[in-house]
C-alpha cells in the first residue's frame, strides 16, 4: 500500500510540474529592462571609445524601448552622427531626414539639416576612392550635387548656426568638384570633335558655377571651341577676357591645380541638450 501511495504521489507531481512550468513561461509578467539613462550613458562611453557600431545598438535601444523618454530625441540626433562615423552614409542620411520630419522645432534641428548634406556628399566616395585618393571628378557625382543643394538649404535656413562655417567650406569644395566634372566632360567632347557639346558644358560652368577654381579653364575651353567652329570674333573676345583676368592663352586641356582633399571622415557631434 505504501509503495502504491508513493508511486501515485510522484506520478501526480510529474503531471503537474510541466503544466506549472508552461504557465510560467507563457505568463504576461513584465520583463526587467535596463533604465533609459543606462543605455544613454553606455552609448556615450562607446562613442568616446570610437566604438560606433555598439553605440548605435544602445541608441537604437533607447529609440525602441523609450520612444517618449527623456533621452529619445537626443538619441535620434546622435544616431545621425554615429551612423556617419561608422561609415553608414545612407543610414545617416535617413536618420537625419527622420529627425527633421519628427522634430522640426528641436534645438538640434540645424544639425540634422547639416548632417543630411554631409552624408549625401560622402556617398560619392567609394572604398577605392578613400583608399587610393583617386579623383572622382570624372565619375558620377550625383551625391555631390545633392549635397550642394542640401547644404545650400541649410545655410539659407540657419545662417547663424555653429555649423555654418564648416558647411561653407564644403560648399566651396563641392562647387569646384561639380565645375571640374563638367569640364572633364567638355574635354571628352573636344577629343571627339563635338565642339558644340563641349561649348555648352564650358559655358554652363561660367554662367551657373561662378567663382569656382575652374573658371579660367572653362574660358580656355570656350576659346578653343570658338576657334574650331570658326567664330573668330567671339574667340578674340574670350582671349581679351582671359588676359584681363591674368590668364594666358594656352591649351585648354591642361591639368587643373585643384585637388581632392576631403578624404577624412570627420564631422562634429550634436549638442547635448
Protein backbone atom coordinates (compact mmCIF):
# COMPACT_ATOMS: atom_id res chain seq x y z
CA UNK A 1 0.00 0.00 0.00
CA UNK A 2 2.77 2.44 0.87
CA UNK A 3 4.52 1.61 -2.39
CA UNK A 4 1.35 2.33 -4.37
CA UNK A 5 0.86 5.60 -2.49
CA UNK A 6 4.48 6.58 -3.22
CA UNK A 7 4.08 5.99 -6.95
CA UNK A 8 0.72 7.79 -7.02
CA UNK A 9 2.19 10.94 -5.42
CA UNK A 10 5.19 11.07 -7.77
CA UNK A 11 3.01 10.39 -10.81
CA UNK A 12 0.75 13.31 -9.85
CA UNK A 13 3.74 15.60 -9.29
CA UNK A 14 5.18 14.64 -12.67
CA UNK A 15 1.95 15.62 -14.36
CA UNK A 16 1.52 18.95 -12.52
CA UNK A 17 5.09 20.33 -12.75
CA UNK A 18 5.21 20.61 -16.58
CA UNK A 19 1.88 22.44 -16.52
CA UNK A 20 3.20 24.92 -13.95
CA UNK A 21 6.38 25.40 -15.98
CA UNK A 22 4.47 26.14 -19.20
CA UNK A 23 2.16 28.51 -17.38
CA UNK A 24 5.13 30.43 -16.01
CA UNK A 25 6.75 30.66 -19.45
CA UNK A 26 3.56 31.96 -21.09
CA UNK A 27 2.72 34.46 -18.40
CA UNK A 28 2.38 38.15 -19.13
CA UNK A 29 4.67 39.12 -16.29
CA UNK A 30 6.77 42.24 -17.11
CA UNK A 31 10.36 41.66 -18.27
CA UNK A 32 13.00 43.56 -16.35
CA UNK A 33 14.65 46.16 -18.59
CA UNK A 34 17.63 48.46 -18.20
CA UNK A 35 16.84 52.09 -17.33
CA UNK A 36 16.94 54.61 -20.18
CA UNK A 37 19.88 56.53 -18.73
CA UNK A 38 21.97 53.36 -18.57
CA UNK A 39 21.54 52.88 -22.31
CA UNK A 40 22.39 56.53 -22.97
CA UNK A 41 25.50 56.55 -20.76
CA UNK A 42 26.64 53.32 -22.41
CA UNK A 43 26.25 54.90 -25.84
CA UNK A 44 28.29 57.92 -24.75
CA UNK A 45 31.14 55.74 -23.46
CA UNK A 46 31.17 53.72 -26.67
CA UNK A 47 31.26 56.81 -28.89
CA UNK A 48 34.13 58.26 -26.88
CA UNK A 49 35.96 54.98 -27.48
CA UNK A 50 35.13 55.23 -31.24
CA UNK A 51 33.07 52.05 -30.93
CA UNK A 52 30.28 53.48 -33.06
CA UNK A 53 28.83 50.11 -34.04
CA UNK A 54 27.99 49.27 -30.43
CA UNK A 55 26.94 52.86 -29.71
CA UNK A 56 24.32 52.53 -32.46
CA UNK A 57 22.89 49.47 -30.69
CA UNK A 58 22.48 51.41 -27.44
CA UNK A 59 20.95 54.45 -29.16
CA UNK A 60 18.53 52.30 -31.14
CA UNK A 61 17.54 50.54 -27.90
CA UNK A 62 16.54 53.91 -26.43
CA UNK A 63 14.50 54.73 -29.52
CA UNK A 64 12.74 51.34 -29.42
CA UNK A 65 12.15 50.98 -25.65
CA UNK A 66 11.67 54.63 -24.63
CA UNK A 67 10.23 56.46 -27.68
CA UNK A 68 8.85 59.23 -25.44
CA UNK A 69 11.59 59.16 -22.81
CA UNK A 70 13.94 61.84 -21.60
CA UNK A 71 16.76 60.86 -23.99
CA UNK A 72 14.69 59.77 -27.02
CA UNK A 73 15.15 62.89 -29.16
CA UNK A 74 18.79 63.28 -28.18
CA UNK A 75 19.42 59.65 -29.10
CA UNK A 76 17.85 60.25 -32.52
CA UNK A 77 20.21 63.16 -33.22
CA UNK A 78 23.23 61.19 -32.05
CA UNK A 79 22.24 58.27 -34.29
CA UNK A 80 22.87 60.59 -37.25
CA UNK A 81 26.43 61.14 -36.05
CA UNK A 82 27.08 57.52 -35.04
CA UNK A 83 25.93 56.13 -38.39
CA UNK A 84 28.08 58.65 -40.25
CA UNK A 85 31.20 57.94 -38.21
CA UNK A 86 30.57 54.21 -38.68
CA UNK A 87 30.71 54.68 -42.46
CA UNK A 88 26.96 54.17 -42.97
CA UNK A 89 26.18 57.21 -45.11
CA UNK A 90 22.75 56.03 -46.29
CA UNK A 91 21.68 55.26 -42.72
CA UNK A 92 22.99 58.64 -41.53
CA UNK A 93 21.07 60.45 -44.28
CA UNK A 94 17.88 58.55 -43.44
CA UNK A 95 18.31 59.26 -39.72
CA UNK A 96 18.72 62.97 -40.47
CA UNK A 97 15.59 63.06 -42.62
CA UNK A 98 13.65 61.19 -39.94
CA UNK A 99 14.80 63.66 -37.28
CA UNK A 100 13.78 66.62 -39.46
CA UNK A 101 10.36 65.07 -40.02
CA UNK A 102 9.69 64.19 -36.37
CA UNK A 103 11.37 67.08 -34.53
CA UNK A 104 11.06 70.25 -36.65
CA UNK A 105 11.43 72.56 -33.60
CA UNK A 106 14.17 70.70 -31.75
CA UNK A 107 17.28 72.71 -30.71
CA UNK A 108 19.43 70.30 -32.81
CA UNK A 109 17.35 70.67 -35.98
CA UNK A 110 20.13 72.68 -37.65
CA UNK A 111 22.49 69.78 -37.01
CA UNK A 112 20.12 67.38 -38.78
CA UNK A 113 19.95 69.61 -41.88
CA UNK A 114 23.73 69.99 -41.82
CA UNK A 115 24.50 66.28 -41.49
CA UNK A 116 21.97 65.38 -44.18
CA UNK A 117 24.09 67.33 -46.66
CA UNK A 118 27.36 65.92 -45.36
CA UNK A 119 26.07 62.35 -45.65
CA UNK A 120 24.98 62.95 -49.26
CA UNK A 121 28.43 64.30 -50.09
CA UNK A 122 30.29 61.27 -48.77
CA UNK A 123 28.13 58.81 -50.71
CA UNK A 124 30.26 59.56 -53.80
CA UNK A 125 33.42 58.41 -52.01
CA UNK A 126 33.64 54.68 -52.59
CA UNK A 127 36.03 52.33 -50.87
CA UNK A 128 38.70 52.60 -53.59
CA UNK A 129 38.46 56.39 -53.70
CA UNK A 130 39.06 56.54 -49.94
CA UNK A 131 41.97 54.10 -50.09
CA UNK A 132 43.74 55.37 -53.19
CA UNK A 133 42.57 59.01 -53.03
CA UNK A 134 41.50 58.91 -56.66
CA UNK A 135 39.95 61.89 -58.41
CA UNK A 136 36.19 61.40 -58.66
CA UNK A 137 35.51 64.41 -60.88
CA UNK A 138 35.20 62.14 -63.92
CA UNK A 139 32.69 59.82 -62.23
CA UNK A 140 29.04 60.08 -61.29
CA UNK A 141 28.78 62.86 -58.72
CA UNK A 142 25.02 62.90 -58.18
CA UNK A 143 25.63 62.69 -54.44
CA UNK A 144 27.84 65.79 -54.56
CA UNK A 145 25.16 67.70 -56.45
CA UNK A 146 22.54 66.61 -53.92
CA UNK A 147 24.85 67.61 -51.07
CA UNK A 148 25.39 71.03 -52.68
CA UNK A 149 21.63 71.60 -52.74
CA UNK A 150 21.10 70.33 -49.18
CA UNK A 151 23.96 72.33 -47.69
CA UNK A 152 22.76 75.42 -49.54
CA UNK A 153 19.33 74.90 -47.97
CA UNK A 154 20.96 74.50 -44.57
CA UNK A 155 22.83 77.81 -44.90
CA UNK A 156 19.64 79.55 -46.06
CA UNK A 157 17.68 78.25 -43.08
CA UNK A 158 20.39 78.56 -40.43
CA UNK A 159 22.95 81.21 -41.46
CA UNK A 160 23.94 81.78 -37.81
CA UNK A 161 24.36 78.09 -36.95
CA UNK A 162 27.62 76.99 -35.36
CA UNK A 163 27.95 74.51 -38.25
CA UNK A 164 27.63 77.24 -40.94
CA UNK A 165 31.41 77.85 -41.37
CA UNK A 166 32.00 74.13 -41.83
CA UNK A 167 29.19 73.91 -44.39
CA UNK A 168 30.54 76.94 -46.27
CA UNK A 169 33.92 75.23 -46.67
CA UNK A 170 32.24 72.13 -48.03
CA UNK A 171 30.19 74.20 -50.48
CA UNK A 172 33.37 75.75 -51.90
CA UNK A 173 34.81 72.29 -52.40
CA UNK A 174 31.60 70.92 -53.93
CA UNK A 175 31.30 73.90 -56.29
CA UNK A 176 34.81 73.19 -57.58
CA UNK A 177 34.13 69.47 -57.88
CA UNK A 178 30.93 69.98 -59.89
CA UNK A 179 32.66 72.51 -62.16
CA UNK A 180 35.58 70.18 -62.75
CA UNK A 181 33.21 67.32 -63.56
CA UNK A 182 31.53 69.44 -66.24
CA UNK A 183 34.90 70.33 -67.78
CA UNK A 184 36.07 66.72 -67.82
CA UNK A 185 33.02 66.04 -69.99
CA UNK A 186 33.79 69.11 -72.14
CA UNK A 187 37.34 67.89 -72.78
CA UNK A 188 35.99 64.47 -73.75
CA UNK A 189 33.71 66.12 -76.32
CA UNK A 190 36.63 68.14 -77.72
CA UNK A 191 38.55 64.90 -78.30
CA UNK A 192 35.50 63.58 -80.17
CA UNK A 193 35.31 66.84 -82.21
CA UNK A 194 31.88 67.52 -80.67
CA UNK A 195 32.65 71.23 -80.16
CA UNK A 196 29.06 72.38 -79.69
CA UNK A 197 28.54 69.94 -76.81
CA UNK A 198 31.90 70.94 -75.29
CA UNK A 199 30.98 74.63 -75.60
CA UNK A 200 27.68 74.03 -73.83
CA UNK A 201 29.42 72.35 -70.87
CA UNK A 202 32.06 75.07 -70.51
CA UNK A 203 29.52 77.90 -70.72
CA UNK A 204 27.40 76.16 -68.08
CA UNK A 205 30.36 76.37 -65.67
CA UNK A 206 30.93 80.06 -66.40
CA UNK A 207 27.27 81.05 -66.12
CA UNK A 208 26.00 78.74 -63.35
CA UNK A 209 29.03 77.96 -61.18
CA UNK A 210 30.73 81.35 -60.78
CA UNK A 211 33.84 81.91 -58.68
CA UNK A 212 34.96 78.30 -58.90
CA UNK A 213 38.58 77.28 -59.31
CA UNK A 214 37.75 76.08 -62.85
CA UNK A 215 36.51 79.38 -64.35
CA UNK A 216 39.75 80.14 -66.22
CA UNK A 217 39.92 76.59 -67.52
CA UNK A 218 36.32 76.91 -68.75
CA UNK A 219 37.16 80.14 -70.59
CA UNK A 220 40.04 78.40 -72.38
CA UNK A 221 37.73 75.58 -73.47
CA UNK A 222 35.22 78.15 -74.80
CA UNK A 223 38.03 79.85 -76.74
CA UNK A 224 39.15 76.54 -78.24
CA UNK A 225 35.59 75.68 -79.27
CA UNK A 226 35.03 79.09 -80.90
CA UNK A 227 38.28 78.68 -82.81
CA UNK A 228 37.29 75.22 -84.03
CA UNK A 229 33.81 76.41 -85.04
CA UNK A 230 35.14 79.46 -86.88
CA UNK A 231 33.74 82.12 -84.54
CA UNK A 232 36.93 84.16 -84.56
CA UNK A 233 35.46 87.42 -83.25
CA UNK A 234 33.98 85.62 -80.24
CA UNK A 235 37.31 83.85 -79.79
CA UNK A 236 39.11 87.19 -79.61
CA UNK A 237 36.60 88.46 -77.04
CA UNK A 238 37.30 85.42 -74.86
CA UNK A 239 41.05 85.94 -75.26
CA UNK A 240 40.66 89.52 -74.03
CA UNK A 241 38.68 88.28 -71.02
CA UNK A 242 41.34 85.68 -70.20
CA UNK A 243 44.18 88.22 -70.41
CA UNK A 244 42.23 90.80 -68.41
CA UNK A 245 41.93 88.26 -65.58
CA UNK A 246 45.62 87.42 -65.53
CA UNK A 247 45.42 84.27 -67.60
CA UNK A 248 47.44 83.18 -70.62
CA UNK A 249 46.31 81.66 -73.89
CA UNK A 250 47.40 78.06 -73.51
CA UNK A 251 45.93 74.67 -74.17
CA UNK A 252 42.51 74.20 -72.62
CA UNK A 253 43.30 70.59 -71.74
CA UNK A 254 45.99 71.50 -69.21
CA UNK A 255 45.57 69.90 -65.82
CA UNK A 256 43.79 71.81 -63.09
CA UNK A 257 45.66 72.63 -59.92
CA UNK A 258 42.62 71.84 -57.83
CA UNK A 259 42.88 68.57 -55.92
CA UNK A 260 40.56 66.30 -53.95
CA UNK A 261 41.43 66.89 -50.30
CA UNK A 262 38.43 65.90 -48.20
CA UNK A 263 39.05 62.20 -47.66
CA UNK A 264 38.99 62.17 -43.89
CA UNK A 265 35.68 61.19 -42.34
CA UNK A 266 35.17 63.98 -39.84
CA UNK A 267 32.01 65.59 -38.52
CA UNK A 268 31.11 67.40 -35.30
CA UNK A 269 28.81 65.59 -32.85
CA UNK A 270 25.44 67.15 -31.99
CA UNK A 271 24.98 69.36 -28.96
CA UNK A 272 23.71 67.65 -25.83
CA UNK A 273 20.54 69.29 -24.59
